[in-house]
Amino acid sequence: MDRATPNLPSRDFDVTSHFFAALGFAETWRDSGWMILRRGDLQLEFFPFADLNPAASSFGSCLRVDDLDGLYAACQSAGVPEKRTGWPRLHPPRVEDWGGRVGALIDPDGTLFRLVQN
């Protein structure tokens, strides 16, 4: 099976791990220079970036899932607010011009995750 895994910044592995654990992700690897989190078939990999400015971050990834509503509900249950500014935050799923349903999650480091219904 071929696959790609996003490599994303984390200002603090403890904060990142805690945030994503509330969304159902578990650590599968961690040392001082790398951390891997999994939720089912989703895998996110993080590298340390202590000086990252979340307001200026251009990091992002698409999470293509079979159950967009379930993942979005997990984000809401974890207390991630729906708002237009700041981080972390959620944007509700909507039908895009190309016909797909897409929501968004912005993590504590300002990384944009497009939540895409398969």
N, C-alpha and C. Protein backbone atom coordinates (compact mmCIF):
# COMPACT_ATOMS: atom_id res chain seq x y z
N MET A 1 0.84 -1.17 0.00
CA MET A 1 0.00 0.00 0.00
C MET A 1 0.89 1.24 0.00
N ASP A 2 0.69 2.12 -0.96
CA ASP A 2 1.39 3.41 -1.00
C ASP A 2 0.64 4.39 -0.11
N ARG A 3 1.36 5.32 0.50
CA ARG A 3 0.71 6.36 1.28
C ARG A 3 1.68 7.50 1.50
N ALA A 4 1.15 8.63 1.86
CA ALA A 4 1.95 9.79 2.22
C ALA A 4 1.54 10.22 3.62
N THR A 5 2.47 10.75 4.37
CA THR A 5 2.14 11.27 5.69
C THR A 5 2.65 12.71 5.79
N PRO A 6 1.79 13.62 6.23
CA PRO A 6 2.23 15.00 6.37
C PRO A 6 3.24 15.16 7.49
N ASN A 7 4.24 15.99 7.28
CA ASN A 7 5.24 16.34 8.29
C ASN A 7 4.95 17.78 8.68
N LEU A 8 4.57 17.98 9.93
CA LEU A 8 4.01 19.24 10.38
C LEU A 8 4.75 19.78 11.60
N PRO A 9 4.69 21.10 11.82
CA PRO A 9 5.41 21.70 12.94
C PRO A 9 4.66 21.59 14.26
N SER A 10 5.43 21.54 15.32
CA SER A 10 4.87 21.59 16.67
C SER A 10 5.77 22.46 17.53
N ARG A 11 5.17 23.46 18.16
CA ARG A 11 5.95 24.29 19.08
C ARG A 11 6.24 23.53 20.37
N ASP A 12 5.39 22.57 20.72
CA ASP A 12 5.53 21.82 21.96
C ASP A 12 4.86 20.46 21.78
N PHE A 13 5.65 19.38 21.77
CA PHE A 13 5.09 18.05 21.54
C PHE A 13 4.01 17.69 22.57
N ASP A 14 4.18 18.11 23.83
CA ASP A 14 3.17 17.78 24.84
C ASP A 14 1.83 18.43 24.51
N VAL A 15 1.85 19.69 24.10
CA VAL A 15 0.62 20.40 23.75
C VAL A 15 -0.02 19.75 22.52
N THR A 16 0.80 19.47 21.50
CA THR A 16 0.29 18.86 20.27
C THR A 16 -0.32 17.49 20.56
N SER A 17 0.38 16.66 21.32
CA SER A 17 -0.10 15.33 21.64
C SER A 17 -1.42 15.40 22.40
N HIS A 18 -1.50 16.28 23.38
CA HIS A 18 -2.72 16.42 24.18
C HIS A 18 -3.90 16.88 23.31
N PHE A 19 -3.66 17.86 22.45
CA PHE A 19 -4.71 18.37 21.57
C PHE A 19 -5.26 17.26 20.69
N PHE A 20 -4.38 16.53 20.02
CA PHE A 20 -4.83 15.49 19.10
C PHE A 20 -5.35 14.26 19.81
N ALA A 21 -4.89 13.99 21.03
CA ALA A 21 -5.44 12.86 21.81
C ALA A 21 -6.93 13.07 22.06
N ALA A 22 -7.33 14.32 22.30
CA ALA A 22 -8.74 14.62 22.52
C ALA A 22 -9.57 14.37 21.26
N LEU A 23 -8.91 14.31 20.10
CA LEU A 23 -9.59 14.03 18.82
C LEU A 23 -9.50 12.56 18.44
N GLY A 24 -8.90 11.74 19.31
CA GLY A 24 -8.82 10.31 19.06
C GLY A 24 -7.50 9.82 18.51
N PHE A 25 -6.48 10.67 18.46
CA PHE A 25 -5.16 10.27 17.98
C PHE A 25 -4.32 9.75 19.14
N ALA A 26 -3.50 8.75 18.87
CA ALA A 26 -2.60 8.19 19.88
C ALA A 26 -1.16 8.30 19.38
N GLU A 27 -0.25 8.54 20.30
CA GLU A 27 1.18 8.54 19.95
C GLU A 27 1.63 7.13 19.61
N THR A 28 2.32 7.00 18.48
CA THR A 28 2.93 5.71 18.14
C THR A 28 4.45 5.80 18.10
N TRP A 29 4.98 7.02 18.11
CA TRP A 29 6.43 7.23 18.18
C TRP A 29 6.69 8.62 18.70
N ARG A 30 7.71 8.72 19.53
CA ARG A 30 8.12 10.04 20.00
C ARG A 30 9.53 9.98 20.56
N ASP A 31 10.33 10.91 20.08
CA ASP A 31 11.62 11.19 20.70
C ASP A 31 11.77 12.71 20.66
N SER A 32 12.94 13.23 20.94
CA SER A 32 13.08 14.68 21.02
C SER A 32 12.96 15.38 19.67
N GLY A 33 13.10 14.63 18.57
CA GLY A 33 13.10 15.25 17.26
C GLY A 33 11.95 14.85 16.34
N TRP A 34 11.05 13.99 16.82
CA TRP A 34 9.97 13.54 15.93
C TRP A 34 8.85 12.94 16.76
N MET A 35 7.61 13.11 16.29
CA MET A 35 6.46 12.50 16.95
C MET A 35 5.48 12.06 15.87
N ILE A 36 4.92 10.86 16.06
CA ILE A 36 3.94 10.31 15.13
C ILE A 36 2.66 10.01 15.91
N LEU A 37 1.53 10.49 15.34
CA LEU A 37 0.22 10.27 15.93
C LEU A 37 -0.65 9.53 14.92
N ARG A 38 -1.50 8.63 15.43
CA ARG A 38 -2.42 7.86 14.56
C ARG A 38 -3.83 7.90 15.10
N ARG A 39 -4.76 7.92 14.16
CA ARG A 39 -6.19 7.74 14.44
C ARG A 39 -6.71 6.89 13.31
N GLY A 40 -6.89 5.61 13.56
CA GLY A 40 -7.27 4.70 12.48
C GLY A 40 -6.20 4.70 11.41
N ASP A 41 -6.59 4.97 10.16
CA ASP A 41 -5.63 5.02 9.06
C ASP A 41 -4.97 6.39 8.88
N LEU A 42 -5.38 7.38 9.67
CA LEU A 42 -4.76 8.70 9.59
C LEU A 42 -3.46 8.71 10.39
N GLN A 43 -2.42 9.22 9.80
CA GLN A 43 -1.14 9.35 10.50
C GLN A 43 -0.60 10.75 10.28
N LEU A 44 -0.23 11.40 11.36
CA LEU A 44 0.37 12.74 11.33
C LEU A 44 1.74 12.66 11.96
N GLU A 45 2.72 13.30 11.34
CA GLU A 45 4.08 13.31 11.86
C GLU A 45 4.47 14.75 12.15
N PHE A 46 5.11 14.96 13.29
CA PHE A 46 5.45 16.31 13.74
C PHE A 46 6.94 16.44 14.03
N PHE A 47 7.47 17.61 13.70
CA PHE A 47 8.85 17.95 14.02
C PHE A 47 8.83 19.19 14.92
N PRO A 48 9.86 19.37 15.76
CA PRO A 48 9.87 20.53 16.63
C PRO A 48 10.13 21.82 15.86
N PHE A 49 9.37 22.86 16.21
CA PHE A 49 9.52 24.18 15.61
C PHE A 49 9.12 25.19 16.69
N ALA A 50 9.98 25.34 17.68
CA ALA A 50 9.68 26.15 18.86
C ALA A 50 9.39 27.61 18.53
N ASP A 51 9.98 28.14 17.48
CA ASP A 51 9.82 29.56 17.15
C ASP A 51 8.70 29.83 16.15
N LEU A 52 7.90 28.85 15.84
CA LEU A 52 6.81 29.02 14.87
C LEU A 52 5.83 30.09 15.36
N ASN A 53 5.45 30.97 14.45
CA ASN A 53 4.41 31.96 14.73
C ASN A 53 3.11 31.43 14.11
N PRO A 54 2.16 30.96 14.92
CA PRO A 54 0.92 30.40 14.37
C PRO A 54 0.18 31.35 13.44
N ALA A 55 0.26 32.63 13.70
CA ALA A 55 -0.46 33.60 12.86
C ALA A 55 0.14 33.69 11.46
N ALA A 56 1.38 33.29 11.31
CA ALA A 56 2.06 33.37 10.01
C ALA A 56 2.29 32.00 9.39
N SER A 57 1.80 30.94 10.04
CA SER A 57 2.05 29.59 9.54
C SER A 57 1.34 29.35 8.21
N SER A 58 2.04 28.70 7.30
CA SER A 58 1.44 28.31 6.02
C SER A 58 1.41 26.79 5.89
N PHE A 59 1.57 26.08 7.01
CA PHE A 59 1.53 24.62 6.98
C PHE A 59 0.09 24.14 6.88
N GLY A 60 -0.11 23.03 6.20
CA GLY A 60 -1.45 22.47 6.07
C GLY A 60 -1.43 21.07 5.49
N SER A 61 -2.57 20.42 5.59
CA SER A 61 -2.74 19.06 5.08
C SER A 61 -4.22 18.78 4.90
N CYS A 62 -4.55 17.89 3.99
CA CYS A 62 -5.92 17.40 3.86
C CYS A 62 -6.03 16.08 4.60
N LEU A 63 -7.09 15.93 5.38
CA LEU A 63 -7.42 14.66 6.01
C LEU A 63 -8.68 14.15 5.30
N ARG A 64 -8.50 13.16 4.44
CA ARG A 64 -9.62 12.62 3.67
C ARG A 64 -10.17 11.41 4.43
N VAL A 65 -11.43 11.51 4.83
CA VAL A 65 -12.01 10.52 5.72
C VAL A 65 -13.35 10.02 5.20
N ASP A 66 -13.71 8.80 5.60
CA ASP A 66 -15.00 8.24 5.23
C ASP A 66 -16.13 8.83 6.06
N ASP A 67 -15.82 9.28 7.29
CA ASP A 67 -16.84 9.82 8.19
C ASP A 67 -16.47 11.23 8.63
N LEU A 68 -16.67 12.19 7.74
CA LEU A 68 -16.38 13.59 8.04
C LEU A 68 -17.19 14.07 9.24
N ASP A 69 -18.47 13.71 9.28
CA ASP A 69 -19.31 14.18 10.38
C ASP A 69 -18.83 13.63 11.72
N GLY A 70 -18.36 12.38 11.74
CA GLY A 70 -17.84 11.79 12.97
C GLY A 70 -16.57 12.49 13.45
N LEU A 71 -15.66 12.78 12.53
CA LEU A 71 -14.43 13.47 12.90
C LEU A 71 -14.75 14.89 13.37
N TYR A 72 -15.66 15.57 12.68
CA TYR A 72 -16.04 16.92 13.08
C TYR A 72 -16.68 16.91 14.47
N ALA A 73 -17.53 15.93 14.72
CA ALA A 73 -18.17 15.81 16.04
C ALA A 73 -17.12 15.56 17.12
N ALA A 74 -16.09 14.78 16.82
CA ALA A 74 -15.01 14.54 17.79
C ALA A 74 -14.29 15.85 18.11
N CYS A 75 -14.08 16.68 17.10
CA CYS A 75 -13.45 17.99 17.31
C CYS A 75 -14.33 18.86 18.21
N GLN A 76 -15.63 18.87 17.92
CA GLN A 76 -16.55 19.65 18.74
C GLN A 76 -16.59 19.14 20.18
N SER A 77 -16.64 17.82 20.34
CA SER A 77 -16.67 17.22 21.68
C SER A 77 -15.42 17.53 22.47
N ALA A 78 -14.30 17.72 21.76
CA ALA A 78 -13.04 18.05 22.41
C ALA A 78 -12.98 19.53 22.80
N GLY A 79 -14.00 20.29 22.43
CA GLY A 79 -14.06 21.69 22.81
C GLY A 79 -13.41 22.65 21.83
N VAL A 80 -13.09 22.18 20.62
CA VAL A 80 -12.52 23.08 19.62
C VAL A 80 -13.65 24.00 19.14
N PRO A 81 -13.46 25.32 19.28
CA PRO A 81 -14.56 26.24 18.95
C PRO A 81 -14.70 26.50 17.46
N GLU A 82 -15.94 26.74 17.05
CA GLU A 82 -16.22 27.22 15.69
C GLU A 82 -16.10 28.73 15.74
N LYS A 83 -15.08 29.26 15.09
CA LYS A 83 -14.90 30.70 15.02
C LYS A 83 -14.07 31.02 13.79
N ARG A 84 -13.96 32.29 13.44
CA ARG A 84 -13.30 32.70 12.20
C ARG A 84 -11.85 33.12 12.40
N THR A 85 -11.43 33.36 13.63
CA THR A 85 -10.06 33.78 13.88
C THR A 85 -9.50 33.03 15.09
N GLY A 86 -8.18 33.07 15.22
CA GLY A 86 -7.52 32.42 16.34
C GLY A 86 -7.31 30.94 16.10
N TRP A 87 -6.71 30.31 17.08
CA TRP A 87 -6.42 28.89 16.99
C TRP A 87 -6.34 28.32 18.39
N PRO A 88 -6.74 27.10 18.58
CA PRO A 88 -7.37 26.22 17.58
C PRO A 88 -8.78 26.70 17.25
N ARG A 89 -9.28 26.22 16.11
CA ARG A 89 -10.64 26.55 15.70
C ARG A 89 -11.13 25.56 14.65
N LEU A 90 -12.46 25.59 14.45
CA LEU A 90 -13.14 24.75 13.47
C LEU A 90 -13.93 25.61 12.49
N HIS A 91 -14.05 25.11 11.27
CA HIS A 91 -14.96 25.67 10.28
C HIS A 91 -15.86 24.52 9.85
N PRO A 92 -17.18 24.68 9.93
CA PRO A 92 -18.10 23.59 9.62
C PRO A 92 -17.97 23.10 8.18
N PRO A 93 -18.25 21.82 7.97
CA PRO A 93 -18.24 21.30 6.60
C PRO A 93 -19.30 21.98 5.74
N ARG A 94 -18.93 22.19 4.48
CA ARG A 94 -19.87 22.73 3.50
C ARG A 94 -19.54 22.13 2.16
N VAL A 95 -20.50 22.18 1.26
CA VAL A 95 -20.28 21.68 -0.09
C VAL A 95 -19.51 22.73 -0.88
N GLU A 96 -18.37 22.33 -1.41
CA GLU A 96 -17.52 23.22 -2.20
C GLU A 96 -18.03 23.27 -3.64
N ASP A 97 -17.54 24.23 -4.41
CA ASP A 97 -17.96 24.38 -5.82
C ASP A 97 -17.73 23.12 -6.63
N TRP A 98 -16.70 22.34 -6.29
CA TRP A 98 -16.39 21.12 -7.03
C TRP A 98 -17.26 19.93 -6.61
N GLY A 99 -18.16 20.14 -5.60
CA GLY A 99 -19.12 19.11 -5.21
C GLY A 99 -18.78 18.35 -3.95
N GLY A 100 -17.56 18.47 -3.44
CA GLY A 100 -17.17 17.74 -2.24
C GLY A 100 -17.49 18.51 -0.97
N ARG A 101 -17.66 17.76 0.13
CA ARG A 101 -17.89 18.37 1.45
C ARG A 101 -16.55 18.53 2.15
N VAL A 102 -16.28 19.74 2.64
CA VAL A 102 -15.01 20.05 3.27
C VAL A 102 -15.24 20.95 4.49
N GLY A 103 -14.62 20.59 5.59
CA GLY A 103 -14.57 21.44 6.77
C GLY A 103 -13.12 21.78 7.04
N ALA A 104 -12.85 22.43 8.15
CA ALA A 104 -11.47 22.78 8.47
C ALA A 104 -11.23 22.74 9.97
N LEU A 105 -10.03 22.35 10.33
CA LEU A 105 -9.53 22.37 11.69
C LEU A 105 -8.20 23.10 11.65
N ILE A 106 -8.04 24.07 12.53
CA ILE A 106 -6.75 24.75 12.68
C ILE A 106 -6.25 24.38 14.07
N ASP A 107 -5.05 23.79 14.12
CA ASP A 107 -4.53 23.29 15.40
C ASP A 107 -3.88 24.42 16.21
N PRO A 108 -3.39 24.12 17.41
CA PRO A 108 -2.80 25.18 18.26
C PRO A 108 -1.58 25.86 17.65
N ASP A 109 -0.96 25.26 16.64
CA ASP A 109 0.20 25.85 15.99
C ASP A 109 -0.15 26.58 14.70
N GLY A 110 -1.45 26.71 14.41
CA GLY A 110 -1.88 27.42 13.21
C GLY A 110 -1.88 26.58 11.95
N THR A 111 -1.65 25.27 12.07
CA THR A 111 -1.67 24.39 10.90
C THR A 111 -3.12 24.15 10.48
N LEU A 112 -3.38 24.30 9.19
CA LEU A 112 -4.71 24.09 8.61
C LEU A 112 -4.85 22.64 8.17
N PHE A 113 -5.89 21.99 8.69
CA PHE A 113 -6.26 20.64 8.25
C PHE A 113 -7.59 20.77 7.54
N ARG A 114 -7.59 20.51 6.23
CA ARG A 114 -8.86 20.46 5.50
C ARG A 114 -9.45 19.07 5.76
N LEU A 115 -10.67 19.05 6.25
CA LEU A 115 -11.36 17.80 6.57
C LEU A 115 -12.27 17.49 5.39
N VAL A 116 -11.89 16.48 4.62
CA VAL A 116 -12.55 16.19 3.34
C VAL A 116 -13.28 14.86 3.40
N GLN A 117 -14.56 14.87 3.06
CA GLN A 117 -15.35 13.63 2.98
C GLN A 117 -14.90 12.84 1.75
N ASN A 118 -14.53 11.57 1.94
CA ASN A 118 -14.18 10.70 0.80
C ASN A 118 -15.39 10.53 -0.10
